[in-house]
Protein backbone atom coordinates (compact mmCIF):
# COMPACT_ATOMS: atom_id res chain seq x y z
CA MET A 1 -17.39 2.61 1.43
CA GLN A 2 -17.01 0.33 4.21
CA ARG A 3 -15.94 -2.38 2.90
CA HIS A 4 -13.11 -0.24 1.39
CA LEU A 5 -12.36 1.63 4.82
CA LEU A 6 -12.52 -1.76 6.46
CA ARG A 7 -9.58 -3.01 3.93
CA ARG A 8 -7.68 0.11 3.92
CA ARG A 9 -7.80 0.80 7.74
CA ALA A 10 -6.87 -3.17 8.03
CA LEU A 11 -3.26 -1.38 8.44
CA LEU A 12 -4.74 -0.08 11.58
CA ALA A 13 -4.21 -3.22 13.92
CA SER A 14 -0.71 -3.33 15.26
CA ALA A 15 2.18 -4.72 12.65
CA GLY A 16 4.15 -5.01 15.94
CA LEU A 17 1.86 -8.10 17.56
CA ALA A 18 3.88 -10.28 15.84
CA ALA A 19 7.38 -9.15 16.72
CA ALA A 20 6.29 -9.67 20.17
CA ALA A 21 5.32 -13.16 20.07
CA PRO A 22 7.74 -16.02 21.08
CA ALA A 23 9.91 -17.02 18.37
CA LEU A 24 8.93 -20.66 18.34
CA ALA A 25 10.00 -22.67 15.74
CA ALA A 26 7.56 -23.61 13.46
CA CYS A 27 7.68 -27.56 12.24
CA GLY A 28 5.48 -27.72 9.06
CA PRO A 29 5.06 -30.59 6.51
CA ASP A 30 7.86 -32.46 5.72
CA ILE A 31 8.82 -30.73 2.88
CA ALA A 32 11.92 -29.92 2.50
CA SER A 33 15.39 -31.97 1.74
CA ASP A 34 18.09 -32.00 4.77
CA GLU A 35 19.97 -29.89 2.44
CA GLU A 36 17.17 -27.42 2.02
CA SER A 37 15.46 -25.15 5.00
CA ASP A 38 13.61 -22.80 2.43
CA ALA A 39 10.32 -23.85 0.36
CA SER A 40 12.34 -24.71 -2.92
CA SER A 41 11.93 -28.29 -2.86
CA LEU A 42 8.16 -28.39 -1.54
CA LEU A 43 6.98 -25.25 -4.39
CA LYS A 44 9.09 -26.65 -7.17
CA ALA A 45 7.21 -29.59 -7.33
CA PRO A 46 5.51 -29.42 -10.79
CA ASP A 47 3.69 -32.84 -11.01
CA ARG A 48 1.49 -32.11 -8.06
CA THR A 49 -1.48 -30.14 -8.94
CA GLU A 50 -4.31 -31.89 -7.44
CA GLY A 51 -5.26 -31.33 -4.00
CA GLU A 52 -7.28 -28.80 -1.56
CA ILE A 53 -5.93 -25.44 -0.02
CA THR A 54 -7.27 -22.99 2.30
CA VAL A 55 -6.17 -18.98 1.83
CA TRP A 56 -7.03 -16.26 4.29
CA ASP A 57 -8.48 -13.03 3.33
CA ARG A 58 -9.96 -10.06 4.65
CA SER A 59 -13.79 -9.62 3.93
CA GLY A 60 -14.39 -6.90 1.60
CA ASP A 61 -13.66 -6.03 -2.13
CA LEU A 62 -10.65 -7.91 -2.38
CA PHE A 63 -12.02 -10.82 -0.88
CA GLU A 64 -14.65 -10.81 -3.56
CA VAL A 65 -12.19 -9.76 -6.17
CA PHE A 66 -10.09 -12.84 -5.30
CA GLU A 67 -13.40 -15.37 -5.40
CA GLY A 68 -14.16 -14.02 -8.39
CA ALA A 69 -10.71 -15.28 -9.68
CA ILE A 70 -10.69 -18.67 -9.05
CA ALA A 71 -12.59 -19.93 -11.81
CA ALA A 72 -10.35 -18.86 -13.55
CA PHE A 73 -7.59 -20.74 -11.48
CA ASN A 74 -9.47 -23.98 -11.74
CA ALA A 75 -9.31 -23.81 -15.74
CA LYS A 76 -6.04 -24.41 -15.31
CA TYR A 77 -5.98 -26.21 -12.36
CA PRO A 78 -9.26 -28.42 -12.29
CA ASP A 79 -8.00 -30.69 -9.69
CA ILE A 80 -7.06 -28.23 -6.93
CA THR A 81 -10.29 -26.96 -4.44
CA VAL A 82 -9.52 -23.44 -2.90
CA ASN A 83 -11.42 -22.72 0.27
CA HIS A 84 -11.47 -19.00 0.62
CA VAL A 85 -11.85 -17.86 3.74
CA ALA A 86 -12.96 -14.41 5.12
CA ILE A 87 -11.33 -13.86 8.37
CA ASP A 88 -10.40 -11.21 11.16
CA ILE A 89 -6.19 -12.10 10.33
CA ASP A 90 -4.95 -9.27 12.82
CA ALA A 91 -7.30 -11.15 15.07
CA LYS A 92 -6.49 -14.63 14.10
CA LEU A 93 -2.81 -15.09 12.31
CA GLN A 94 -0.31 -14.77 15.51
CA ASN A 95 -2.06 -16.95 17.61
CA THR A 96 -2.52 -19.59 15.15
CA LEU A 97 0.52 -19.31 13.80
CA ILE A 98 1.72 -19.80 17.22
CA THR A 99 -0.29 -23.06 18.00
CA GLY A 100 0.25 -24.71 14.80
CA ALA A 101 -3.10 -25.61 14.64
CA ASP A 102 -5.33 -25.14 11.73
CA VAL A 103 -2.91 -22.93 10.19
CA PRO A 104 -4.14 -21.90 6.63
CA ASP A 105 -2.00 -22.77 3.43
CA GLY A 106 -1.98 -19.09 2.24
CA VAL A 107 -2.51 -15.54 3.86
CA PHE A 108 -3.05 -12.29 2.12
CA LEU A 109 -0.97 -10.01 4.81
CA ASP A 110 -0.37 -5.95 4.51
CA ASP A 111 3.31 -5.44 3.39
CA ALA A 112 3.78 -3.56 6.84
CA LYS A 113 3.46 -6.73 9.17
CA VAL A 114 5.03 -8.97 7.03
CA GLY A 115 8.60 -8.64 8.56
CA GLY A 116 6.71 -9.47 11.87
CA PHE A 117 5.88 -12.96 10.93
CA THR A 118 8.96 -14.48 9.14
CA ASP A 119 9.96 -16.96 12.03
CA TYR A 120 6.55 -18.81 10.89
CA LEU A 121 6.57 -17.96 6.92
CA TRP A 122 8.21 -19.99 4.11
CA ASP A 123 11.45 -17.84 2.25
CA LEU A 124 9.93 -17.90 -1.13
CA SER A 125 13.19 -16.76 -2.61
CA ASP A 126 13.83 -19.73 -5.30
CA VAL A 127 10.36 -19.66 -6.52
CA LEU A 128 10.45 -15.81 -6.96
CA ALA A 129 13.73 -16.20 -8.81
CA PRO A 130 12.04 -16.49 -12.45
CA TYR A 131 9.93 -13.60 -11.62
CA ALA A 132 11.94 -11.15 -9.04
CA ALA A 133 13.31 -9.18 -12.06
CA ASP A 134 10.20 -8.52 -13.53
CA ILE A 135 8.63 -7.51 -9.88
CA ALA A 136 9.15 -3.82 -8.79
CA PRO A 137 11.82 -3.36 -6.80
CA GLN A 138 10.16 -1.30 -3.95
CA LYS A 139 7.57 -4.55 -3.27
CA LEU A 140 10.75 -7.40 -3.29
CA ASP A 141 12.36 -4.47 -0.86
CA VAL A 142 9.41 -4.72 1.50
CA ASN A 143 9.01 -8.43 1.63
CA THR A 144 12.85 -8.99 1.94
CA VAL A 145 13.97 -9.47 5.85
CA ALA A 146 17.87 -10.79 5.96
CA GLY A 147 18.34 -11.64 2.71
CA GLY A 148 14.64 -13.94 2.58
CA VAL A 149 11.79 -13.01 0.76
CA TYR A 150 8.74 -13.86 2.30
CA GLY A 151 5.65 -12.60 0.50
CA VAL A 152 4.40 -13.00 -3.28
CA PRO A 153 3.98 -9.29 -4.56
CA PHE A 154 0.32 -8.57 -4.75
CA ASP A 155 -0.24 -4.81 -5.46
CA LEU A 156 1.39 -1.69 -6.10
CA ASP A 157 0.01 1.41 -4.74
CA PRO A 158 1.76 4.57 -6.23
CA GLY A 159 0.69 7.87 -4.87
CA LEU A 160 -0.70 10.28 -7.27
CA LEU A 161 -1.89 13.83 -7.24
CA PHE A 162 -5.68 13.61 -7.48
CA TYR A 163 -7.26 16.68 -8.08
CA ASN A 164 -10.79 18.23 -9.26
CA ALA A 165 -10.28 19.26 -12.92
CA THR A 166 -13.56 21.26 -12.96
CA ALA A 167 -12.81 23.63 -9.93
CA LEU A 168 -9.46 24.55 -10.99
CA GLU A 169 -10.21 25.31 -14.60
CA ALA A 170 -13.09 27.82 -13.26
CA ALA A 171 -10.35 29.18 -11.23
CA GLY A 172 -7.77 29.04 -14.27
CA ILE A 173 -5.33 26.84 -12.84
CA ASP A 174 -3.03 24.56 -14.84
CA ILE A 175 -2.45 21.18 -13.36
CA ASN A 176 0.15 20.89 -15.91
CA ALA A 177 2.41 23.85 -14.33
CA ILE A 178 2.85 21.82 -11.53
CA ALA A 179 6.15 20.01 -11.41
CA THR A 180 7.21 20.37 -8.20
CA TYR A 181 5.89 20.41 -4.49
CA ASP A 182 6.99 24.51 -4.38
CA ASP A 183 4.61 24.86 -8.09
CA LEU A 184 1.88 23.15 -5.94
CA LEU A 185 1.99 25.44 -3.03
CA GLN A 186 2.33 28.43 -5.62
CA ALA A 187 -1.09 26.89 -7.52
CA ALA A 188 -2.72 26.56 -3.91
CA ARG A 189 -2.26 30.01 -3.56
CA ASP A 190 -3.72 31.02 -6.78
CA TYR A 191 -6.91 29.12 -6.06
CA GLN A 192 -7.46 30.12 -2.62
CA ALA A 193 -7.18 34.01 -4.33
CA ALA A 194 -9.78 32.85 -7.01
CA VAL A 195 -11.98 30.79 -4.33
CA PRO A 196 -11.92 32.55 -0.96
CA GLY A 197 -12.15 30.62 2.01
CA SER A 198 -10.84 27.57 0.26
CA ALA A 199 -8.32 25.21 1.94
CA PRO A 200 -7.22 23.61 -1.02
CA ILE A 201 -4.27 21.00 -0.31
CA HIS A 202 -5.95 18.00 1.94
CA LEU A 203 -3.77 17.79 5.65
CA GLU A 204 -4.27 14.20 6.83
CA GLN A 205 -6.02 14.14 10.83
CA SER A 206 -5.54 10.44 11.26
CA ALA A 207 -2.14 10.34 13.13
CA PHE A 208 -1.56 6.34 11.18
CA LEU A 209 -2.34 7.77 8.13
CA GLY A 210 -0.38 10.68 8.05
CA GLN A 211 2.78 8.69 9.09
CA LEU A 212 1.89 6.65 5.85
CA GLN A 213 1.54 9.42 4.16
CA LEU A 214 4.54 10.93 5.26
CA GLU A 215 6.28 7.23 4.11
CA MET A 216 4.63 8.01 0.56
CA TYR A 217 6.48 11.13 0.33
CA ALA A 218 9.69 9.77 1.83
CA SER A 219 9.49 7.09 -0.90
CA GLN A 220 9.96 9.68 -3.59
CA LEU A 221 12.89 10.63 -1.57
CA GLY A 222 14.46 7.45 -1.34
CA THR A 223 13.97 7.06 2.14
CA SER A 224 11.60 5.91 4.69
CA ILE A 225 11.74 6.44 8.57
CA ALA A 226 13.92 2.52 9.01
CA ASP A 227 16.58 1.59 7.08
CA ALA A 228 17.14 -1.97 5.39
CA ASP A 229 18.48 -3.04 9.07
CA GLY A 230 15.26 -1.44 10.65
CA ASN A 231 17.97 0.91 12.14
CA LEU A 232 15.81 4.43 13.00
CA ARG A 233 16.49 7.04 10.17
CA LEU A 234 13.66 9.74 11.40
CA ASP A 235 15.92 12.90 12.13
CA THR A 236 17.38 13.53 8.40
CA PRO A 237 16.82 16.71 5.89
CA GLU A 238 14.71 14.72 4.09
CA PHE A 239 12.32 14.38 6.52
CA GLU A 240 12.81 17.73 7.38
CA ARG A 241 11.95 18.86 3.85
CA ILE A 242 9.08 17.15 3.93
CA LEU A 243 7.15 18.19 7.63
CA THR A 244 8.42 21.85 6.62
CA PHE A 245 6.17 21.70 3.19
CA LEU A 246 3.36 20.14 5.43
CA ASP A 247 4.02 22.95 7.92
CA THR A 248 3.95 25.75 5.27
CA VAL A 249 0.83 24.41 3.85
CA ARG A 250 -0.46 24.62 7.97
CA GLN A 251 1.15 28.16 8.27
CA GLU A 252 -0.67 29.87 5.28
CA GLY A 253 -3.77 28.41 5.77
CA LEU A 254 -3.71 26.12 2.42
CA GLY A 255 -4.58 23.03 3.70
CA THR A 256 -8.29 21.29 4.74
CA ARG A 257 -7.31 19.59 8.28
CA ALA A 258 -9.49 16.21 7.84
CA GLU A 259 -9.50 12.57 8.29
CA TYR A 260 -9.59 10.58 4.83
CA LEU A 261 -12.90 10.16 3.60
CA THR A 262 -14.62 10.87 6.73
CA PRO A 263 -17.82 13.24 6.25
CA THR A 264 -15.66 16.43 6.92
CA ASP A 265 -13.26 15.36 4.28
CA ILE A 266 -16.30 14.32 2.02
CA ALA A 267 -18.45 17.65 2.51
CA GLU A 268 -15.29 19.95 1.81
CA LEU A 269 -14.10 17.21 -1.52
CA ASP A 270 -17.54 17.85 -2.98
CA ASN A 271 -18.20 21.76 -2.18
CA GLY A 272 -14.86 22.38 -3.94
CA ASN A 273 -12.69 23.76 -1.24
CA GLN A 274 -10.56 21.11 -0.88
CA VAL A 275 -9.06 20.18 -4.37
CA PHE A 276 -5.58 18.25 -4.40
CA TYR A 277 -5.05 15.00 -2.75
CA PRO A 278 -1.69 13.72 -3.06
CA TRP A 279 -2.33 10.02 -1.65
CA ALA A 280 -1.86 6.58 -3.08
CA ILE A 281 -3.62 5.51 -5.82
CA TRP A 282 -6.72 3.74 -3.67
CA PHE A 283 -8.23 7.41 -3.19
CA SER A 284 -9.65 6.72 -6.91
CA PHE A 285 -12.10 4.84 -4.63
CA ALA A 286 -13.85 8.24 -3.26
CA PRO A 287 -14.66 9.22 -7.09
CA GLN A 288 -15.96 6.08 -7.79
CA GLN A 289 -18.22 5.52 -4.65
CA VAL A 290 -18.39 8.40 -1.95
CA LEU A 291 -18.04 11.53 -3.33
CA THR A 292 -21.70 12.56 -4.97
CA GLU A 293 -21.69 16.68 -6.38
CA THR A 294 -17.83 15.99 -7.31
CA THR A 295 -18.08 12.27 -8.99
CA GLY A 296 -16.64 13.14 -12.44
CA ASP A 297 -14.78 16.42 -12.07
CA TRP A 298 -11.69 14.77 -10.42
CA ARG A 299 -8.37 13.25 -11.94
CA ALA A 300 -5.09 12.41 -11.12
CA VAL A 301 -1.48 13.39 -12.14
CA GLN A 302 1.91 12.10 -11.23
CA LEU A 303 2.94 13.74 -7.71
CA PRO A 304 4.66 16.62 -7.97
CA ALA A 305 8.75 16.42 -7.48
CA TRP A 306 10.55 17.37 -4.52
CA ASP A 307 13.26 18.76 -7.28
CA ALA A 308 12.96 19.21 -10.77
CA GLY A 309 13.38 16.35 -12.66
CA GLY A 310 13.31 13.99 -9.59
CA ALA A 311 10.94 11.17 -8.99
CA ARG A 312 7.41 11.71 -9.53
CA SER A 313 5.66 9.17 -7.40
CA GLY A 314 6.15 7.11 -3.84
CA ALA A 315 4.31 4.10 -2.00
CA MET A 316 1.73 4.18 0.16
CA GLY A 317 0.60 0.87 1.81
CA GLY A 318 0.31 -2.44 -0.37
CA SER A 319 -0.25 -6.28 0.44
CA SER A 320 1.36 -9.84 -0.13
CA PHE A 321 0.69 -13.47 -0.34
CA VAL A 322 2.34 -15.71 2.34
CA LEU A 323 2.83 -19.30 3.18
CA PRO A 324 2.93 -20.03 6.45
CA LYS A 325 5.35 -23.17 7.49
CA ASP A 326 2.80 -25.21 9.06
CA GLY A 327 0.24 -24.82 5.70
CA LYS A 328 -0.22 -28.47 4.77
CA ASN A 329 -0.35 -27.54 1.25
CA ALA A 330 2.15 -24.52 0.51
CA ASP A 331 3.29 -25.84 -2.17
CA LEU A 332 -0.70 -25.52 -4.04
CA ALA A 333 -1.15 -22.53 -2.87
CA TRP A 334 1.92 -21.33 -4.24
CA LEU A 335 0.80 -22.30 -7.26
CA PHE A 336 -2.80 -20.35 -6.54
CA TYR A 337 -0.62 -17.16 -5.99
CA GLU A 338 1.89 -17.90 -8.83
CA PHE A 339 -1.58 -17.89 -11.33
CA LEU A 340 -3.16 -14.62 -9.73
CA MET A 341 0.38 -12.69 -10.07
CA PHE A 342 2.31 -13.69 -12.59
CA ASP A 343 0.01 -15.56 -15.11
CA GLU A 344 -1.83 -13.24 -17.56
CA ALA A 345 -5.24 -14.99 -17.48
CA GLY A 346 -4.90 -14.53 -13.40
CA TYR A 347 -4.48 -11.17 -12.97
CA THR A 348 -6.44 -10.08 -15.71
CA ALA A 349 -9.23 -11.64 -13.73
CA VAL A 350 -7.83 -9.75 -10.92
CA TRP A 351 -7.46 -6.13 -12.04
CA GLY A 352 -9.81 -6.55 -15.53
CA PRO A 353 -13.38 -5.60 -15.44
CA GLY A 354 -15.25 -8.22 -12.97
CA ASP A 355 -18.51 -8.36 -10.84
CA VAL A 356 -17.02 -6.49 -8.06
CA TYR A 357 -15.42 -3.56 -10.64
CA PRO A 358 -17.36 -3.80 -13.77
CA GLU A 359 -13.97 -1.21 -15.40
CA GLY A 360 -11.24 -3.05 -13.57
CA LEU A 361 -9.58 -2.85 -10.23
CA ALA A 362 -8.77 1.04 -10.30
CA THR A 363 -7.41 1.22 -6.62
CA SER A 364 -4.09 -0.14 -7.49
CA ILE A 365 -1.44 -1.51 -10.04
CA PRO A 366 -0.09 -5.38 -10.20
CA SER A 367 3.55 -5.03 -9.01
CA TYR A 368 4.62 -7.45 -11.87
CA THR A 369 5.54 -5.36 -14.77
CA PRO A 370 4.57 -7.35 -17.33
CA ALA A 371 0.84 -6.72 -16.13
CA ALA A 372 1.43 -3.45 -15.64
CA ASP A 373 2.29 -2.25 -19.14
CA PRO A 374 1.07 0.97 -20.02
CA ALA A 375 0.67 -0.14 -23.23
CA LYS A 376 -1.80 -3.31 -22.26
CA PRO A 377 -4.33 -1.40 -20.16
CA LEU A 378 -5.84 -4.21 -17.79
CA TYR A 379 -8.96 -1.14 -17.38
CA SER A 380 -9.02 2.12 -19.18
CA GLY A 381 -11.24 5.11 -18.67
CA ILE A 382 -12.84 5.38 -15.12
CA THR A 383 -16.27 7.01 -15.80
CA ALA A 384 -16.27 8.60 -12.26
CA LEU A 385 -12.82 9.98 -13.21
CA GLY A 386 -14.62 11.84 -16.17
CA GLY A 387 -13.17 8.97 -18.30
CA GLN A 388 -9.40 9.25 -17.51
CA ASP A 389 -7.16 6.75 -18.60
CA LEU A 390 -6.07 6.37 -14.69
CA TRP A 391 -3.79 3.08 -15.81
CA THR A 392 -1.67 4.71 -17.71
CA VAL A 393 -1.10 7.62 -15.29
CA ALA A 394 -0.50 5.05 -12.35
CA THR A 395 1.69 2.35 -14.33
CA GLU A 396 4.06 5.34 -15.34
CA ALA A 397 3.74 6.37 -11.95
CA GLY A 398 4.35 3.15 -10.26
CA ALA A 399 7.56 2.65 -12.73
CA GLN A 400 9.23 5.82 -10.95
CA ILE A 401 9.01 4.52 -7.23
CA PRO A 402 12.40 3.91 -5.65
CA GLY A 403 13.17 1.07 -4.12
CA GLY A 404 12.35 0.62 -0.34
CA THR A 405 13.20 -1.39 2.40
CA PRO A 406 11.42 -4.15 4.90
CA THR A 407 8.77 -2.46 7.37
CA PRO A 408 9.91 -2.79 10.67
CA ALA A 409 7.79 -4.69 13.24
CA TRP A 410 7.69 -1.28 15.29
CA TRP A 411 6.20 0.90 12.32
CA THR A 412 2.48 0.75 14.00
CA GLY A 413 4.02 1.36 17.26
CA ALA A 414 5.74 4.46 16.07
CA VAL A 415 2.71 6.47 15.68
CA ASP A 416 2.05 6.73 18.82
CA TYR A 417 5.02 9.00 18.52
CA LEU A 418 5.84 10.65 15.02
CA GLY A 419 2.07 10.26 13.87
CA ASN A 420 0.87 11.91 17.14
CA ASP A 421 4.05 14.65 16.67
CA LEU A 422 2.78 15.30 13.45
CA GLN A 423 -0.63 15.81 14.43
CA ARG A 424 1.02 18.17 17.10
CA MET A 425 2.54 20.04 14.16
CA LEU A 426 0.12 20.61 11.93
CA ASP A 427 -2.16 22.01 15.42
CA GLY A 428 0.87 24.80 15.55
CA ASP A 429 2.01 23.29 18.98
CA LEU A 430 5.91 21.76 17.41
CA THR A 431 7.99 22.84 14.97
CA PRO A 432 9.44 20.33 11.87
CA GLN A 433 13.01 20.18 14.01
CA GLU A 434 10.92 19.50 17.51
CA VAL A 435 9.08 16.51 15.82
CA LEU A 436 12.40 14.90 14.23
CA ALA A 437 13.92 15.16 17.44
CA GLN A 438 11.06 13.92 20.08
CA ALA A 439 9.67 11.36 17.73
CA SER A 440 13.06 10.10 17.01
CA GLU A 441 14.33 9.48 21.16
CA ASP A 442 11.01 8.32 21.90
CA ILE A 443 10.61 5.83 19.02
CA GLN A 444 14.66 4.68 19.90
CA THR A 445 13.91 4.53 23.42
CA ASN A 446 10.45 2.80 23.65
CA LEU A 447 10.49 0.79 20.40
CA VAL A 448 13.53 -0.15 18.83
CA ASP A 449 16.08 -0.45 21.76
CA ARG A 450 13.34 -2.94 23.32
CA GLN A 451 13.17 -5.22 20.45
């Protein structure tokens, strides 16, 4: 559990740190022609398949997954040595890129942080071009800044509705009748009537994670806190609709207020009081490795739609791989990431059954659509989900995620305003309209205008 939370909560570090760094010109190795300022000259060199690369990852479960995939990479590229380093990326990357000393060839980076480092990264548009049509649009969009694509997309984290199937069946609640968020509200009312004292829907108590979940809901509606140019677009009917839903859950006493997988949250999940959890696919970690009393009782379906026939999923979180310009062997690092993400042997080694996840990496799906084929599962029955075929549910949900926009460098700073104001609304101190007006003014004045 600690490794999982470290990985997921690494997003808590400020995405805006890099934006505050001086815009130094990254010199980098002499790898491009005079006519080419991007990575295409270097990365398209097919004859260079020998050398050594250093790639940075955060410690934890994904580090171990990627470590296990190196053997498959070396089966194809036996003359490339991979120095795979577990490191505190948030503490090390910014200063490393600024000084240009001991810069890694590749880095695993949260999508929320890519936009803050683009001055130091290779534009990968050309080398990704052969795959672009088959990459989930949302993942390309979040890595695109001023027309350049700066990350090799890794995971797609579709939002799903996790539910306690055993508890709902005992209460006579039909999960298949939940098609919209209005239906979810009614199901929660019906469950509470059957189980007095319960608070069926999860209400996130962390300001950061609450804002991240808010963006998941907004993603379903085809919007986000900022547009493609980084302009704030928070005070809108879409966000008002989402906040009104959350406020209704609060007002009617239908929600369990707790921070994701803290002891209170776990207890309320295990005792049957909290039975609906609208969250990213990585919640599947909970029944697999955290819950004790209700493991095996949980299942997942697509999120409810905001309107009948609307999108049944939205993106919540995600990461990609970036190539720093000052890395000495970016071309070989590109081969490593190209293999992991776009080669069947590579993505099978990442998402298929392995030592870290014996049933497969069921906390995400690939963002490369040929790898996320519902008919060709990389993992299937998950024991902790009662043997459910989570792969099919997740890939079908992922296909419905609308396109997105780059995460602005000020996004994490906005938690001090939007995230906190959202929590004040859940305390009953602010209305949805007051949250949007107040947070919009504060973000614009204190973050956007000061860039």
